[in-house]
Amino acid sequence: MSYADLAAFARTFGLVYLVAMLAVALFYALRPRNRGKFRDAAMIPLRKD
């Protein structure tokens, strides 16, 4: 296995990994169950505690 082969594999695997992580993050952020949690977190700076 040469350096070029290893670099090509790393680029391909890295791309697949990043796309998978993006899909997981989007799935988590867009789930209806999390809407209330994110709305509450967005209002933290506006609270007058």
PDB file of N, CA and C in Angstrom:
ATOM      1  N   MET A   1       0.853  -1.175   0.000  1.00  0.00           N
ATOM      2  CA  MET A   1       0.000   0.000   0.000  1.00  0.00           C
ATOM      3  C   MET A   1       0.897   1.235   0.000  1.00  0.00           C
ATOM      4  N   SER A   2       0.723   2.063  -0.985  1.00  0.00           N
ATOM      5  CA  SER A   2       1.548   3.255  -1.095  1.00  0.00           C
ATOM      6  C   SER A   2       0.894   4.430  -0.365  1.00  0.00           C
ATOM      7  N   TYR A   3       1.636   5.501  -0.289  1.00  0.00           N
ATOM      8  CA  TYR A   3       1.119   6.705   0.356  1.00  0.00           C
ATOM      9  C   TYR A   3      -0.105   7.237  -0.395  1.00  0.00           C
ATOM     10  N   ALA A   4      -0.077   7.197  -1.710  1.00  0.00           N
ATOM     11  CA  ALA A   4      -1.202   7.692  -2.507  1.00  0.00           C
ATOM     12  C   ALA A   4      -2.466   6.873  -2.235  1.00  0.00           C
ATOM     13  N   ASP A   5      -2.309   5.552  -2.111  1.00  0.00           N
ATOM     14  CA  ASP A   5      -3.464   4.707  -1.797  1.00  0.00           C
ATOM     15  C   ASP A   5      -4.023   5.032  -0.415  1.00  0.00           C
ATOM     16  N   LEU A   6      -3.134   5.193   0.535  1.00  0.00           N
ATOM     17  CA  LEU A   6      -3.559   5.513   1.899  1.00  0.00           C
ATOM     18  C   LEU A   6      -4.228   6.882   1.960  1.00  0.00           C
ATOM     19  N   ALA A   7      -3.692   7.860   1.249  1.00  0.00           N
ATOM     20  CA  ALA A   7      -4.282   9.197   1.230  1.00  0.00           C
ATOM     21  C   ALA A   7      -5.660   9.178   0.573  1.00  0.00           C
ATOM     22  N   ALA A   8      -5.822   8.436  -0.501  1.00  0.00           N
ATOM     23  CA  ALA A   8      -7.124   8.334  -1.170  1.00  0.00           C
ATOM     24  C   ALA A   8      -8.145   7.662  -0.262  1.00  0.00           C
ATOM     25  N   PHE A   9      -7.728   6.614   0.431  1.00  0.00           N
ATOM     26  CA  PHE A   9      -8.627   5.942   1.375  1.00  0.00           C
ATOM     27  C   PHE A   9      -9.029   6.890   2.509  1.00  0.00           C
ATOM     28  N   ALA A  10      -8.071   7.633   3.038  1.00  0.00           N
ATOM     29  CA  ALA A  10      -8.353   8.551   4.141  1.00  0.00           C
ATOM     30  C   ALA A  10      -9.317   9.650   3.691  1.00  0.00           C
ATOM     31  N   ARG A  11      -9.132  10.177   2.488  1.00  0.00           N
ATOM     32  CA  ARG A  11     -10.045  11.198   1.982  1.00  0.00           C
ATOM     33  C   ARG A  11     -11.456  10.644   1.822  1.00  0.00           C
ATOM     34  N   THR A  12     -11.561   9.448   1.274  1.00  0.00           N
ATOM     35  CA  THR A  12     -12.872   8.838   1.064  1.00  0.00           C
ATOM     36  C   THR A  12     -13.541   8.523   2.392  1.00  0.00           C
ATOM     37  N   PHE A  13     -12.816   7.907   3.299  1.00  0.00           N
ATOM     38  CA  PHE A  13     -13.380   7.565   4.601  1.00  0.00           C
ATOM     39  C   PHE A  13     -13.737   8.827   5.376  1.00  0.00           C
ATOM     40  N   GLY A  14     -12.913   9.854   5.297  1.00  0.00           N
ATOM     41  CA  GLY A  14     -13.192  11.106   5.987  1.00  0.00           C
ATOM     42  C   GLY A  14     -14.461  11.759   5.470  1.00  0.00           C
ATOM     43  N   LEU A  15     -14.658  11.742   4.179  1.00  0.00           N
ATOM     44  CA  LEU A  15     -15.869  12.304   3.588  1.00  0.00           C
ATOM     45  C   LEU A  15     -17.097  11.538   4.045  1.00  0.00           C
ATOM     46  N   VAL A  16     -17.035  10.230   4.013  1.00  0.00           N
ATOM     47  CA  VAL A  16     -18.162   9.403   4.449  1.00  0.00           C
ATOM     48  C   VAL A  16     -18.448   9.658   5.927  1.00  0.00           C
ATOM     49  N   TYR A  17     -17.405   9.752   6.742  1.00  0.00           N
ATOM     50  CA  TYR A  17     -17.551   9.990   8.178  1.00  0.00           C
ATOM     51  C   TYR A  17     -18.220  11.349   8.429  1.00  0.00           C
ATOM     52  N   LEU A  18     -17.765  12.397   7.765  1.00  0.00           N
ATOM     53  CA  LEU A  18     -18.323  13.722   7.978  1.00  0.00           C
ATOM     54  C   LEU A  18     -19.773  13.817   7.509  1.00  0.00           C
ATOM     55  N   VAL A  19     -20.095  13.183   6.398  1.00  0.00           N
ATOM     56  CA  VAL A  19     -21.479  13.190   5.913  1.00  0.00           C
ATOM     57  C   VAL A  19     -22.373  12.428   6.895  1.00  0.00           C
ATOM     58  N   ALA A  20     -21.885  11.324   7.422  1.00  0.00           N
ATOM     59  CA  ALA A  20     -22.664  10.558   8.406  1.00  0.00           C
ATOM     60  C   ALA A  20     -22.874  11.370   9.679  1.00  0.00           C
ATOM     61  N   MET A  21     -21.855  12.071  10.146  1.00  0.00           N
ATOM     62  CA  MET A  21     -21.994  12.889  11.352  1.00  0.00           C
ATOM     63  C   MET A  21     -22.963  14.054  11.112  1.00  0.00           C
ATOM     64  N   LEU A  22     -22.935  14.643   9.928  1.00  0.00           N
ATOM     65  CA  LEU A  22     -23.881  15.698   9.588  1.00  0.00           C
ATOM     66  C   LEU A  22     -25.307  15.159   9.599  1.00  0.00           C
ATOM     67  N   ALA A  23     -25.502  13.976   9.045  1.00  0.00           N
ATOM     68  CA  ALA A  23     -26.836  13.377   9.021  1.00  0.00           C
ATOM     69  C   ALA A  23     -27.337  13.105  10.437  1.00  0.00           C
ATOM     70  N   VAL A  24     -26.468  12.627  11.306  1.00  0.00           N
ATOM     71  CA  VAL A  24     -26.849  12.371  12.699  1.00  0.00           C
ATOM     72  C   VAL A  24     -27.195  13.676  13.402  1.00  0.00           C
ATOM     73  N   ALA A  25     -26.387  14.713  13.206  1.00  0.00           N
ATOM     74  CA  ALA A  25     -26.644  16.002  13.843  1.00  0.00           C
ATOM     75  C   ALA A  25     -27.962  16.602  13.354  1.00  0.00           C
ATOM     76  N   LEU A  26     -28.216  16.534  12.067  1.00  0.00           N
ATOM     77  CA  LEU A  26     -29.481  17.045  11.535  1.00  0.00           C
ATOM     78  C   LEU A  26     -30.676  16.252  12.045  1.00  0.00           C
ATOM     79  N   PHE A  27     -30.529  14.947  12.111  1.00  0.00           N
ATOM     80  CA  PHE A  27     -31.604  14.105  12.637  1.00  0.00           C
ATOM     81  C   PHE A  27     -31.916  14.484  14.079  1.00  0.00           C
ATOM     82  N   TYR A  28     -30.877  14.680  14.889  1.00  0.00           N
ATOM     83  CA  TYR A  28     -31.075  15.044  16.292  1.00  0.00           C
ATOM     84  C   TYR A  28     -31.709  16.426  16.414  1.00  0.00           C
ATOM     85  N   ALA A  29     -31.238  17.369  15.629  1.00  0.00           N
ATOM     86  CA  ALA A  29     -31.717  18.745  15.746  1.00  0.00           C
ATOM     87  C   ALA A  29     -33.139  18.913  15.226  1.00  0.00           C
ATOM     88  N   LEU A  30     -33.536  18.129  14.265  1.00  0.00           N
ATOM     89  CA  LEU A  30     -34.846  18.312  13.639  1.00  0.00           C
ATOM     90  C   LEU A  30     -35.930  17.374  14.164  1.00  0.00           C
ATOM     91  N   ARG A  31     -35.614  16.569  15.159  1.00  0.00           N
ATOM     92  CA  ARG A  31     -36.625  15.694  15.746  1.00  0.00           C
ATOM     93  C   ARG A  31     -37.659  16.528  16.484  1.00  0.00           C
ATOM     94  N   PRO A  32     -38.925  16.273  16.268  1.00  0.00           N
ATOM     95  CA  PRO A  32     -39.961  17.052  16.951  1.00  0.00           C
ATOM     96  C   PRO A  32     -39.878  16.947  18.481  1.00  0.00           C
ATOM     97  N   ARG A  33     -39.393  15.844  18.990  1.00  0.00           N
ATOM     98  CA  ARG A  33     -39.305  15.656  20.433  1.00  0.00           C
ATOM     99  C   ARG A  33     -38.346  16.653  21.081  1.00  0.00           C
ATOM    100  N   ASN A  34     -37.349  17.133  20.354  1.00  0.00           N
ATOM    101  CA  ASN A  34     -36.353  18.046  20.896  1.00  0.00           C
ATOM    102  C   ASN A  34     -36.736  19.516  20.749  1.00  0.00           C
ATOM    103  N   ARG A  35     -37.839  19.802  20.105  1.00  0.00           N
ATOM    104  CA  ARG A  35     -38.228  21.193  19.839  1.00  0.00           C
ATOM    105  C   ARG A  35     -38.360  22.000  21.131  1.00  0.00           C
ATOM    106  N   GLY A  36     -39.015  21.452  22.124  1.00  0.00           N
ATOM    107  CA  GLY A  36     -39.203  22.169  23.382  1.00  0.00           C
ATOM    108  C   GLY A  36     -37.887  22.425  24.099  1.00  0.00           C
ATOM    109  N   LYS A  37     -37.013  21.454  24.079  1.00  0.00           N
ATOM    110  CA  LYS A  37     -35.709  21.602  24.725  1.00  0.00           C
ATOM    111  C   LYS A  37     -34.899  22.719  24.070  1.00  0.00           C
ATOM    112  N   PHE A  38     -34.910  22.784  22.755  1.00  0.00           N
ATOM    113  CA  PHE A  38     -34.170  23.821  22.050  1.00  0.00           C
ATOM    114  C   PHE A  38     -34.827  25.184  22.229  1.00  0.00           C
ATOM    115  N   ARG A  39     -36.149  25.224  22.295  1.00  0.00           N
ATOM    116  CA  ARG A  39     -36.843  26.493  22.511  1.00  0.00           C
ATOM    117  C   ARG A  39     -36.500  27.046  23.896  1.00  0.00           C
ATOM    118  N   ASP A  40     -36.483  26.180  24.907  1.00  0.00           N
ATOM    119  CA  ASP A  40     -36.115  26.616  26.252  1.00  0.00           C
ATOM    120  C   ASP A  40     -34.674  27.115  26.296  1.00  0.00           C
ATOM    121  N   ALA A  41     -33.773  26.426  25.629  1.00  0.00           N
ATOM    122  CA  ALA A  41     -32.363  26.838  25.607  1.00  0.00           C
ATOM    123  C   ALA A  41     -32.191  28.159  24.886  1.00  0.00           C
ATOM    124  N   ALA A  42     -32.984  28.428  23.868  1.00  0.00           N
ATOM    125  CA  ALA A  42     -32.895  29.686  23.131  1.00  0.00           C
ATOM    126  C   ALA A  42     -33.368  30.865  23.967  1.00  0.00           C
ATOM    127  N   MET A  43     -34.228  30.613  24.927  1.00  0.00           N
ATOM    128  CA  MET A  43     -34.769  31.689  25.756  1.00  0.00           C
ATOM    129  C   MET A  43     -33.924  31.990  26.986  1.00  0.00           C
ATOM    130  N   ILE A  44     -32.880  31.246  27.243  1.00  0.00           N
ATOM    131  CA  ILE A  44     -32.048  31.457  28.428  1.00  0.00           C
ATOM    132  C   ILE A  44     -31.517  32.898  28.510  1.00  0.00           C
ATOM    133  N   PRO A  45     -31.001  33.491  27.437  1.00  0.00           N
ATOM    134  CA  PRO A  45     -30.484  34.865  27.570  1.00  0.00           C
ATOM    135  C   PRO A  45     -31.570  35.904  27.868  1.00  0.00           C
ATOM    136  N   LEU A  46     -32.819  35.586  27.596  1.00  0.00           N
ATOM    137  CA  LEU A  46     -33.897  36.550  27.789  1.00  0.00           C
ATOM    138  C   LEU A  46     -34.568  36.437  29.147  1.00  0.00           C
ATOM    139  N   ARG A  47     -34.199  35.446  29.932  1.00  0.00           N
ATOM    140  CA  ARG A  47     -34.815  35.269  31.253  1.00  0.00           C
ATOM    141  C   ARG A  47     -34.343  36.364  32.200  1.00  0.00           C
ATOM    142  N   LYS A  48     -35.238  36.751  33.108  1.00  0.00           N
ATOM    143  CA  LYS A  48     -34.897  37.777  34.104  1.00  0.00           C
ATOM    144  C   LYS A  48     -34.878  37.145  35.483  1.00  0.00           C
ATOM    145  N   ASP A  49     -34.010  36.174  35.650  1.00  0.00           N
ATOM    146  CA  ASP A  49     -33.912  35.482  36.938  1.00  0.00           C
ATOM    147  C   ASP A  49     -33.113  36.267  37.933  1.00  0.00           C
TER     148      ASP A  49
END
